[in-house]
All heavy atoms as atom14 arrays in JSON, in Angstrom:
{
  "sequence": "HDEVKAVLAYRQVGSEEWQEVPMEFISNDRWQAAFTLDTMGRY",
  "atom14_mask": [
    [1, 1, 1, 1, 1, 1, 1, 1, 1, 1, 0, 0, 0, 0],
    [1, 1, 1, 1, 1, 1, 1, 1, 0, 0, 0, 0, 0, 0],
    [1, 1, 1, 1, 1, 1, 1, 1, 1, 0, 0, 0, 0, 0],
    [1, 1, 1, 1, 1, 1, 1, 0, 0, 0, 0, 0, 0, 0],
    [1, 1, 1, 1, 1, 1, 1, 1, 1, 0, 0, 0, 0, 0],
    [1, 1, 1, 1, 1, 0, 0, 0, 0, 0, 0, 0, 0, 0],
    [1, 1, 1, 1, 1, 1, 1, 0, 0, 0, 0, 0, 0, 0],
    [1, 1, 1, 1, 1, 1, 1, 1, 0, 0, 0, 0, 0, 0],
    [1, 1, 1, 1, 1, 0, 0, 0, 0, 0, 0, 0, 0, 0],
    [1, 1, 1, 1, 1, 1, 1, 1, 1, 1, 1, 1, 0, 0],
    [1, 1, 1, 1, 1, 1, 1, 1, 1, 1, 1, 0, 0, 0],
    [1, 1, 1, 1, 1, 1, 1, 1, 1, 0, 0, 0, 0, 0],
    [1, 1, 1, 1, 1, 1, 1, 0, 0, 0, 0, 0, 0, 0],
    [1, 1, 1, 1, 0, 0, 0, 0, 0, 0, 0, 0, 0, 0],
    [1, 1, 1, 1, 1, 1, 0, 0, 0, 0, 0, 0, 0, 0],
    [1, 1, 1, 1, 1, 1, 1, 1, 1, 0, 0, 0, 0, 0],
    [1, 1, 1, 1, 1, 1, 1, 1, 1, 0, 0, 0, 0, 0],
    [1, 1, 1, 1, 1, 1, 1, 1, 1, 1, 1, 1, 1, 1],
    [1, 1, 1, 1, 1, 1, 1, 1, 1, 0, 0, 0, 0, 0],
    [1, 1, 1, 1, 1, 1, 1, 1, 1, 0, 0, 0, 0, 0],
    [1, 1, 1, 1, 1, 1, 1, 0, 0, 0, 0, 0, 0, 0],
    [1, 1, 1, 1, 1, 1, 1, 0, 0, 0, 0, 0, 0, 0],
    [1, 1, 1, 1, 1, 1, 1, 1, 0, 0, 0, 0, 0, 0],
    [1, 1, 1, 1, 1, 1, 1, 1, 1, 0, 0, 0, 0, 0],
    [1, 1, 1, 1, 1, 1, 1, 1, 1, 1, 1, 0, 0, 0],
    [1, 1, 1, 1, 1, 1, 1, 1, 0, 0, 0, 0, 0, 0],
    [1, 1, 1, 1, 1, 1, 0, 0, 0, 0, 0, 0, 0, 0],
    [1, 1, 1, 1, 1, 1, 1, 1, 0, 0, 0, 0, 0, 0],
    [1, 1, 1, 1, 1, 1, 1, 1, 0, 0, 0, 0, 0, 0],
    [1, 1, 1, 1, 1, 1, 1, 1, 1, 1, 1, 0, 0, 0],
    [1, 1, 1, 1, 1, 1, 1, 1, 1, 1, 1, 1, 1, 1],
    [1, 1, 1, 1, 1, 1, 1, 1, 1, 0, 0, 0, 0, 0],
    [1, 1, 1, 1, 1, 0, 0, 0, 0, 0, 0, 0, 0, 0],
    [1, 1, 1, 1, 1, 0, 0, 0, 0, 0, 0, 0, 0, 0],
    [1, 1, 1, 1, 1, 1, 1, 1, 1, 1, 1, 0, 0, 0],
    [1, 1, 1, 1, 1, 1, 1, 0, 0, 0, 0, 0, 0, 0],
    [1, 1, 1, 1, 1, 1, 1, 1, 0, 0, 0, 0, 0, 0],
    [1, 1, 1, 1, 1, 1, 1, 1, 0, 0, 0, 0, 0, 0],
    [1, 1, 1, 1, 1, 1, 1, 0, 0, 0, 0, 0, 0, 0],
    [1, 1, 1, 1, 1, 1, 1, 1, 0, 0, 0, 0, 0, 0],
    [1, 1, 1, 1, 0, 0, 0, 0, 0, 0, 0, 0, 0, 0],
    [1, 1, 1, 1, 1, 1, 1, 1, 1, 1, 1, 0, 0, 0],
    [1, 1, 1, 1, 1, 1, 1, 1, 1, 1, 1, 1, 0, 0]
  ],
  "atom14_positions": [
    [[-4.86, 1.02, 22.94], [-4.39, 2.48, 23.02], [-3.35, 2.72, 22.02], [-2.79, 3.75, 22.02], [-3.92, 2.72, 24.4], [-4.91, 2.5, 25.48], [-5.99, 3.27, 25.67], [-5.02, 1.5, 26.41], [-6.69, 2.87, 26.71], [-6.09, 1.75, 27.12], [0.0, 0.0, 0.0], [0.0, 0.0, 0.0], [0.0, 0.0, 0.0], [0.0, 0.0, 0.0]],
    [[-3.1, 1.84, 21.07], [-2.07, 2.15, 20.08], [-2.51, 3.26, 19.1], [-3.71, 3.49, 18.96], [-1.81, 0.86, 19.23], [-1.02, -0.18, 19.99], [-0.31, 0.24, 20.95], [-1.07, -1.4, 19.7], [0.0, 0.0, 0.0], [0.0, 0.0, 0.0], [0.0, 0.0, 0.0], [0.0, 0.0, 0.0], [0.0, 0.0, 0.0], [0.0, 0.0, 0.0]],
    [[-1.53, 3.87, 18.57], [-1.8, 5.01, 17.73], [-1.92, 4.6, 16.23], [-1.26, 3.66, 15.83], [-0.64, 6.05, 17.8], [-0.55, 6.7, 19.19], [-1.67, 7.54, 19.51], [-2.28, 8.08, 18.65], [-1.93, 7.66, 20.73], [0.0, 0.0, 0.0], [0.0, 0.0, 0.0], [0.0, 0.0, 0.0], [0.0, 0.0, 0.0], [0.0, 0.0, 0.0]],
    [[-2.87, 5.23, 15.57], [-3.25, 4.85, 14.18], [-2.69, 5.89, 13.24], [-2.7, 7.08, 13.52], [-4.8, 4.73, 14.08], [-5.2, 4.65, 12.58], [-5.24, 3.51, 14.83], [0.0, 0.0, 0.0], [0.0, 0.0, 0.0], [0.0, 0.0, 0.0], [0.0, 0.0, 0.0], [0.0, 0.0, 0.0], [0.0, 0.0, 0.0], [0.0, 0.0, 0.0]],
    [[-2.32, 5.49, 12.03], [-2.0, 6.42, 10.94], [-2.9, 5.85, 9.73], [-3.24, 4.73, 9.67], [-0.55, 6.3, 10.6], [0.37, 7.06, 11.63], [0.17, 8.57, 11.62], [1.09, 9.19, 12.63], [2.51, 9.1, 12.32], [0.0, 0.0, 0.0], [0.0, 0.0, 0.0], [0.0, 0.0, 0.0], [0.0, 0.0, 0.0], [0.0, 0.0, 0.0]],
    [[-3.14, 6.89, 8.88], [-3.96, 6.53, 7.7], [-3.6, 7.46, 6.46], [-3.1, 8.61, 6.75], [-5.42, 6.67, 7.98], [0.0, 0.0, 0.0], [0.0, 0.0, 0.0], [0.0, 0.0, 0.0], [0.0, 0.0, 0.0], [0.0, 0.0, 0.0], [0.0, 0.0, 0.0], [0.0, 0.0, 0.0], [0.0, 0.0, 0.0], [0.0, 0.0, 0.0]],
    [[-3.8, 6.98, 5.33], [-3.65, 7.78, 4.09], [-4.84, 7.7, 3.16], [-5.47, 6.56, 3.2], [-2.35, 7.43, 3.3], [-1.12, 7.65, 4.1], [-2.4, 5.96, 2.9], [0.0, 0.0, 0.0], [0.0, 0.0, 0.0], [0.0, 0.0, 0.0], [0.0, 0.0, 0.0], [0.0, 0.0, 0.0], [0.0, 0.0, 0.0], [0.0, 0.0, 0.0]],
    [[-5.13, 8.71, 2.45], [-6.11, 8.73, 1.4], [-5.33, 8.43, 0.11], [-4.41, 9.18, -0.22], [-6.79, 10.08, 1.36], [-7.68, 10.32, 0.12], [-8.83, 9.38, 0.01], [-8.2, 11.75, 0.11], [0.0, 0.0, 0.0], [0.0, 0.0, 0.0], [0.0, 0.0, 0.0], [0.0, 0.0, 0.0], [0.0, 0.0, 0.0], [0.0, 0.0, 0.0]],
    [[-5.64, 7.36, -0.53], [-4.95, 6.89, -1.81], [-5.9, 7.16, -3.01], [-7.12, 6.89, -2.92], [-4.61, 5.48, -1.65], [0.0, 0.0, 0.0], [0.0, 0.0, 0.0], [0.0, 0.0, 0.0], [0.0, 0.0, 0.0], [0.0, 0.0, 0.0], [0.0, 0.0, 0.0], [0.0, 0.0, 0.0], [0.0, 0.0, 0.0], [0.0, 0.0, 0.0]],
    [[-5.32, 7.76, -4.07], [-6.23, 7.96, -5.27], [-5.3, 7.83, -6.52], [-4.07, 7.98, -6.48], [-6.81, 9.38, -5.16], [-5.85, 10.53, -5.26], [-5.57, 11.11, -6.48], [-5.14, 10.99, -4.13], [-4.66, 12.18, -6.61], [-4.22, 12.04, -4.16], [-3.96, 12.62, -5.48], [-3.11, 13.65, -5.6], [0.0, 0.0, 0.0], [0.0, 0.0, 0.0]],
    [[-6.04, 7.62, -7.6], [-5.38, 7.53, -8.83], [-6.35, 7.74, -9.99], [-7.6, 7.5, -9.77], [-4.7, 6.17, -9.08], [-5.62, 4.98, -9.17], [-4.94, 3.68, -9.38], [-5.81, 2.56, -9.45], [-5.48, 1.26, -9.46], [-4.12, 0.99, -9.51], [-6.34, 0.3, -9.5], [0.0, 0.0, 0.0], [0.0, 0.0, 0.0], [0.0, 0.0, 0.0]],
    [[-5.88, 8.12, -11.11], [-6.74, 8.26, -12.33], [-6.93, 6.81, -12.85], [-6.02, 5.99, -12.87], [-6.14, 9.13, -13.32], [-7.07, 9.65, -14.39], [-6.67, 10.95, -15.1], [-5.55, 11.31, -14.91], [-7.59, 11.55, -15.87], [0.0, 0.0, 0.0], [0.0, 0.0, 0.0], [0.0, 0.0, 0.0], [0.0, 0.0, 0.0], [0.0, 0.0, 0.0]],
    [[-8.11, 6.56, -13.3], [-8.42, 5.22, -13.86], [-7.45, 4.9, -14.97], [-7.31, 5.75, -15.92], [-9.87, 5.08, -14.28], [-10.14, 3.79, -15.03], [-10.77, 5.25, -13.05], [0.0, 0.0, 0.0], [0.0, 0.0, 0.0], [0.0, 0.0, 0.0], [0.0, 0.0, 0.0], [0.0, 0.0, 0.0], [0.0, 0.0, 0.0], [0.0, 0.0, 0.0]],
    [[-6.86, 3.74, -14.97], [-5.9, 3.42, -15.98], [-4.44, 3.53, -15.54], [-3.51, 2.95, -16.05], [0.0, 0.0, 0.0], [0.0, 0.0, 0.0], [0.0, 0.0, 0.0], [0.0, 0.0, 0.0], [0.0, 0.0, 0.0], [0.0, 0.0, 0.0], [0.0, 0.0, 0.0], [0.0, 0.0, 0.0], [0.0, 0.0, 0.0], [0.0, 0.0, 0.0]],
    [[-4.26, 4.26, -14.48], [-2.86, 4.43, -13.91], [-2.58, 3.28, -12.9], [-3.45, 2.9, -12.16], [-2.75, 5.78, -13.28], [-1.53, 5.83, -12.58], [0.0, 0.0, 0.0], [0.0, 0.0, 0.0], [0.0, 0.0, 0.0], [0.0, 0.0, 0.0], [0.0, 0.0, 0.0], [0.0, 0.0, 0.0], [0.0, 0.0, 0.0], [0.0, 0.0, 0.0]],
    [[-1.45, 2.78, -12.95], [-1.04, 1.77, -12.01], [-0.59, 2.38, -10.66], [-0.59, 1.68, -9.66], [0.1, 0.9, -12.6], [-0.27, 0.14, -13.83], [0.91, -0.79, -14.32], [1.9, -0.78, -13.67], [0.65, -1.46, -15.31], [0.0, 0.0, 0.0], [0.0, 0.0, 0.0], [0.0, 0.0, 0.0], [0.0, 0.0, 0.0], [0.0, 0.0, 0.0]],
    [[-0.16, 3.58, -10.62], [0.41, 4.17, -9.43], [-0.63, 4.99, -8.67], [-1.3, 5.79, -9.15], [1.59, 5.08, -9.86], [2.32, 5.69, -8.55], [3.48, 6.56, -8.97], [3.85, 6.57, -10.24], [4.02, 7.22, -8.14], [0.0, 0.0, 0.0], [0.0, 0.0, 0.0], [0.0, 0.0, 0.0], [0.0, 0.0, 0.0], [0.0, 0.0, 0.0]],
    [[-0.66, 4.67, -7.29], [-1.55, 5.4, -6.44], [-0.76, 6.58, -5.81], [0.39, 6.43, -5.45], [-2.05, 4.5, -5.26], [-3.0, 3.4, -5.69], [-2.71, 2.2, -6.21], [-4.45, 3.51, -5.72], [-3.84, 1.47, -6.45], [-4.91, 2.27, -6.16], [-5.39, 4.46, -5.29], [-6.32, 1.99, -6.2], [-6.71, 4.23, -5.39], [-7.21, 3.03, -5.81]],
    [[-1.43, 7.71, -5.73], [-0.91, 8.82, -4.95], [-1.54, 8.83, -3.59], [-2.67, 8.33, -3.44], [-1.2, 10.19, -5.73], [-0.48, 10.13, -7.1], [-0.84, 11.59, -7.75], [-0.23, 12.57, -7.25], [-1.52, 11.6, -8.72], [0.0, 0.0, 0.0], [0.0, 0.0, 0.0], [0.0, 0.0, 0.0], [0.0, 0.0, 0.0], [0.0, 0.0, 0.0]],
    [[-0.8, 9.38, -2.58], [-1.25, 9.31, -1.21], [-1.21, 10.72, -0.56], [-0.36, 11.44, -0.82], [-0.48, 8.29, -0.4], [-0.69, 6.84, -0.81], [0.06, 5.91, 0.04], [0.91, 6.4, 0.91], [-0.13, 4.67, -0.03], [0.0, 0.0, 0.0], [0.0, 0.0, 0.0], [0.0, 0.0, 0.0], [0.0, 0.0, 0.0], [0.0, 0.0, 0.0]],
    [[-2.23, 10.99, 0.3], [-2.3, 12.12, 1.1], [-2.46, 11.7, 2.58], [-3.42, 10.92, 2.88], [-3.46, 13.02, 0.75], [-3.47, 14.26, 1.65], [-3.39, 13.45, -0.8], [0.0, 0.0, 0.0], [0.0, 0.0, 0.0], [0.0, 0.0, 0.0], [0.0, 0.0, 0.0], [0.0, 0.0, 0.0], [0.0, 0.0, 0.0], [0.0, 0.0, 0.0]],
    [[-1.57, 12.08, 3.48], [-1.74, 11.65, 4.86], [-3.07, 12.24, 5.44], [-3.48, 13.4, 5.13], [-0.53, 12.37, 5.55], [0.45, 12.59, 4.54], [-0.34, 12.88, 3.25], [0.0, 0.0, 0.0], [0.0, 0.0, 0.0], [0.0, 0.0, 0.0], [0.0, 0.0, 0.0], [0.0, 0.0, 0.0], [0.0, 0.0, 0.0], [0.0, 0.0, 0.0]],
    [[-3.74, 11.34, 6.19], [-5.08, 11.77, 6.84], [-4.7, 12.5, 8.09], [-3.83, 12.15, 8.83], [-5.95, 10.65, 6.98], [-6.36, 10.01, 5.54], [-7.86, 8.95, 5.65], [-9.14, 10.28, 5.82], [0.0, 0.0, 0.0], [0.0, 0.0, 0.0], [0.0, 0.0, 0.0], [0.0, 0.0, 0.0], [0.0, 0.0, 0.0], [0.0, 0.0, 0.0]],
    [[-5.58, 13.44, 8.4], [-5.44, 14.24, 9.62], [-6.52, 13.86, 10.68], [-7.65, 13.78, 10.3], [-5.52, 15.74, 9.28], [-5.56, 16.62, 10.4], [-5.82, 18.08, 10.04], [-6.1, 18.38, 8.82], [-5.9, 18.97, 10.91], [0.0, 0.0, 0.0], [0.0, 0.0, 0.0], [0.0, 0.0, 0.0], [0.0, 0.0, 0.0], [0.0, 0.0, 0.0]],
    [[-6.13, 13.64, 11.89], [-7.09, 13.35, 12.95], [-7.87, 14.61, 13.31], [-7.29, 15.64, 13.52], [-6.34, 12.76, 14.19], [-7.23, 12.56, 15.32], [-8.1, 11.46, 15.36], [-7.27, 13.39, 16.43], [-8.89, 11.26, 16.44], [-8.09, 13.2, 17.51], [-8.94, 12.1, 17.51], [0.0, 0.0, 0.0], [0.0, 0.0, 0.0], [0.0, 0.0, 0.0]],
    [[-9.19, 14.46, 13.35], [-10.06, 15.61, 13.72], [-10.36, 15.54, 15.18], [-9.97, 16.3, 16.06], [-11.28, 15.71, 12.88], [-10.93, 15.65, 11.36], [-12.1, 16.9, 13.19], [-12.11, 15.57, 10.55], [0.0, 0.0, 0.0], [0.0, 0.0, 0.0], [0.0, 0.0, 0.0], [0.0, 0.0, 0.0], [0.0, 0.0, 0.0], [0.0, 0.0, 0.0]],
    [[-11.2, 14.51, 15.52], [-11.6, 14.33, 16.87], [-12.44, 13.0, 16.94], [-13.12, 12.7, 15.83], [-12.34, 15.55, 17.52], [-13.59, 15.65, 16.82], [0.0, 0.0, 0.0], [0.0, 0.0, 0.0], [0.0, 0.0, 0.0], [0.0, 0.0, 0.0], [0.0, 0.0, 0.0], [0.0, 0.0, 0.0], [0.0, 0.0, 0.0], [0.0, 0.0, 0.0]],
    [[-12.56, 12.39, 18.04], [-13.49, 11.3, 18.25], [-13.4, 10.15, 17.09], [-14.39, 9.81, 16.51], [-15.0, 11.79, 18.34], [-15.91, 10.78, 18.89], [-15.45, 9.89, 19.61], [-17.14, 10.84, 18.59], [0.0, 0.0, 0.0], [0.0, 0.0, 0.0], [0.0, 0.0, 0.0], [0.0, 0.0, 0.0], [0.0, 0.0, 0.0], [0.0, 0.0, 0.0]],
    [[-12.19, 9.86, 16.77], [-11.83, 8.8, 15.72], [-12.21, 9.24, 14.32], [-12.23, 8.47, 13.39], [-12.56, 7.51, 16.05], [-12.0, 6.88, 17.36], [-10.78, 6.92, 17.52], [-12.82, 6.31, 18.19], [0.0, 0.0, 0.0], [0.0, 0.0, 0.0], [0.0, 0.0, 0.0], [0.0, 0.0, 0.0], [0.0, 0.0, 0.0], [0.0, 0.0, 0.0]],
    [[-12.51, 10.58, 14.16], [-12.83, 11.06, 12.85], [-11.52, 11.64, 12.2], [-10.78, 12.36, 12.78], [-13.93, 12.14, 12.9], [-14.51, 12.43, 11.56], [-15.44, 11.36, 11.08], [-16.17, 11.66, 9.85], [-16.65, 10.76, 9.04], [-16.47, 9.53, 9.37], [-17.31, 11.12, 7.97], [0.0, 0.0, 0.0], [0.0, 0.0, 0.0], [0.0, 0.0, 0.0]],
    [[-11.33, 11.21, 10.97], [-10.1, 11.63, 10.17], [-10.52, 12.29, 8.85], [-11.61, 11.98, 8.32], [-9.21, 10.5, 9.86], [-8.56, 9.79, 11.1], [-9.23, 9.16, 12.12], [-7.18, 9.83, 11.44], [-8.33, 8.73, 13.06], [-7.03, 9.05, 12.68], [-6.0, 10.3, 10.85], [-5.82, 8.87, 13.3], [-4.78, 10.09, 11.53], [-4.73, 9.37, 12.68]],
    [[-9.57, 13.09, 8.3], [-9.89, 13.69, 6.93], [-8.62, 13.93, 6.16], [-7.57, 14.02, 6.74], [-10.65, 15.03, 7.15], [-9.8, 16.11, 7.73], [-10.54, 17.46, 7.8], [-11.75, 17.51, 7.8], [-9.78, 18.5, 7.84], [0.0, 0.0, 0.0], [0.0, 0.0, 0.0], [0.0, 0.0, 0.0], [0.0, 0.0, 0.0], [0.0, 0.0, 0.0]],
    [[-8.8, 13.96, 4.88], [-7.72, 14.3, 3.99], [-8.37, 14.85, 2.67], [-9.58, 14.61, 2.41], [-6.86, 13.14, 3.61], [0.0, 0.0, 0.0], [0.0, 0.0, 0.0], [0.0, 0.0, 0.0], [0.0, 0.0, 0.0], [0.0, 0.0, 0.0], [0.0, 0.0, 0.0], [0.0, 0.0, 0.0], [0.0, 0.0, 0.0], [0.0, 0.0, 0.0]],
    [[-7.63, 15.63, 1.92], [-8.12, 16.28, 0.7], [-7.08, 16.34, -0.34], [-5.82, 16.38, -0.05], [-8.69, 17.7, 1.01], [0.0, 0.0, 0.0], [0.0, 0.0, 0.0], [0.0, 0.0, 0.0], [0.0, 0.0, 0.0], [0.0, 0.0, 0.0], [0.0, 0.0, 0.0], [0.0, 0.0, 0.0], [0.0, 0.0, 0.0], [0.0, 0.0, 0.0]],
    [[-7.51, 16.38, -1.61], [-6.57, 16.59, -2.71], [-7.33, 17.42, -3.81], [-8.59, 17.42, -3.92], [-6.01, 15.29, -3.28], [-6.95, 14.41, -3.81], [-7.36, 14.34, -5.18], [-7.66, 13.45, -3.02], [-8.2, 13.34, -5.68], [-8.62, 12.51, -3.54], [-8.86, 12.51, -4.84], [0.0, 0.0, 0.0], [0.0, 0.0, 0.0], [0.0, 0.0, 0.0]],
    [[-6.59, 18.13, -4.55], [-7.24, 18.95, -5.64], [-6.98, 18.34, -6.93], [-5.88, 17.73, -7.24], [-6.47, 20.39, -5.63], [-6.71, 20.97, -4.33], [-7.09, 21.28, -6.64], [0.0, 0.0, 0.0], [0.0, 0.0, 0.0], [0.0, 0.0, 0.0], [0.0, 0.0, 0.0], [0.0, 0.0, 0.0], [0.0, 0.0, 0.0], [0.0, 0.0, 0.0]],
    [[-8.01, 18.41, -7.81], [-8.08, 17.7, -9.06], [-7.52, 18.68, -10.16], [-7.97, 19.74, -10.29], [-9.47, 17.25, -9.4], [-10.08, 16.08, -8.68], [-9.09, 14.95, -8.53], [-10.5, 16.5, -7.28], [0.0, 0.0, 0.0], [0.0, 0.0, 0.0], [0.0, 0.0, 0.0], [0.0, 0.0, 0.0], [0.0, 0.0, 0.0], [0.0, 0.0, 0.0]],
    [[-6.53, 18.25, -10.95], [-6.03, 19.07, -12.0], [-6.22, 18.56, -13.4], [-5.77, 19.22, -14.32], [-4.55, 19.38, -11.76], [-3.7, 18.1, -11.64], [-4.24, 17.01, -11.94], [-2.53, 18.19, -11.28], [0.0, 0.0, 0.0], [0.0, 0.0, 0.0], [0.0, 0.0, 0.0], [0.0, 0.0, 0.0], [0.0, 0.0, 0.0], [0.0, 0.0, 0.0]],
    [[-6.87, 17.4, -13.51], [-7.06, 16.85, -14.78], [-8.46, 16.22, -14.91], [-8.93, 15.57, -13.99], [-5.97, 15.71, -15.08], [-4.75, 16.24, -14.8], [-6.07, 15.17, -16.43], [0.0, 0.0, 0.0], [0.0, 0.0, 0.0], [0.0, 0.0, 0.0], [0.0, 0.0, 0.0], [0.0, 0.0, 0.0], [0.0, 0.0, 0.0], [0.0, 0.0, 0.0]],
    [[-9.09, 16.35, -16.08], [-10.34, 15.75, -16.28], [-10.27, 14.22, -16.39], [-9.14, 13.67, -16.77], [-10.98, 16.26, -17.67], [-11.52, 17.56, -17.63], [-12.54, 17.87, -19.1], [-11.38, 17.58, -20.44], [0.0, 0.0, 0.0], [0.0, 0.0, 0.0], [0.0, 0.0, 0.0], [0.0, 0.0, 0.0], [0.0, 0.0, 0.0], [0.0, 0.0, 0.0]],
    [[-11.25, 13.58, -16.04], [-11.22, 12.0, -16.21], [-11.88, 11.45, -15.0], [-12.5, 11.99, -14.2], [0.0, 0.0, 0.0], [0.0, 0.0, 0.0], [0.0, 0.0, 0.0], [0.0, 0.0, 0.0], [0.0, 0.0, 0.0], [0.0, 0.0, 0.0], [0.0, 0.0, 0.0], [0.0, 0.0, 0.0], [0.0, 0.0, 0.0], [0.0, 0.0, 0.0]],
    [[-11.69, 10.08, -14.98], [-12.3, 9.27, -13.98], [-11.24, 8.84, -13.0], [-10.12, 8.36, -13.41], [-13.04, 8.03, -14.59], [-14.17, 8.55, -15.51], [-14.96, 7.47, -16.17], [-16.01, 8.08, -16.84], [-17.38, 7.9, -16.64], [-17.75, 7.04, -15.82], [-18.29, 8.49, -17.44], [0.0, 0.0, 0.0], [0.0, 0.0, 0.0], [0.0, 0.0, 0.0]],
    [[-11.54, 8.91, -11.74], [-10.54, 8.6, -10.66], [-11.17, 7.53, -9.68], [-12.4, 7.21, -9.71], [-10.27, 9.79, -9.85], [-9.45, 10.89, -10.55], [-10.0, 11.7, -11.51], [-8.06, 11.04, -10.21], [-9.25, 12.69, -12.13], [-7.3, 11.97, -10.84], [-7.87, 12.84, -11.79], [-7.1, 13.74, -12.43], [0.0, 0.0, 0.0], [0.0, 0.0, 0.0]]
  ]
}
């Protein structure tokens, strides 16, 4: 019954640093998160 937390981690290929977005609980163990892309390239 412990509570879970999660993040969506992303980065542009070649970058060492990951950015994170907290994930939101929807229902029935389903979670979601989103981020907007502002630069061309591979992620």
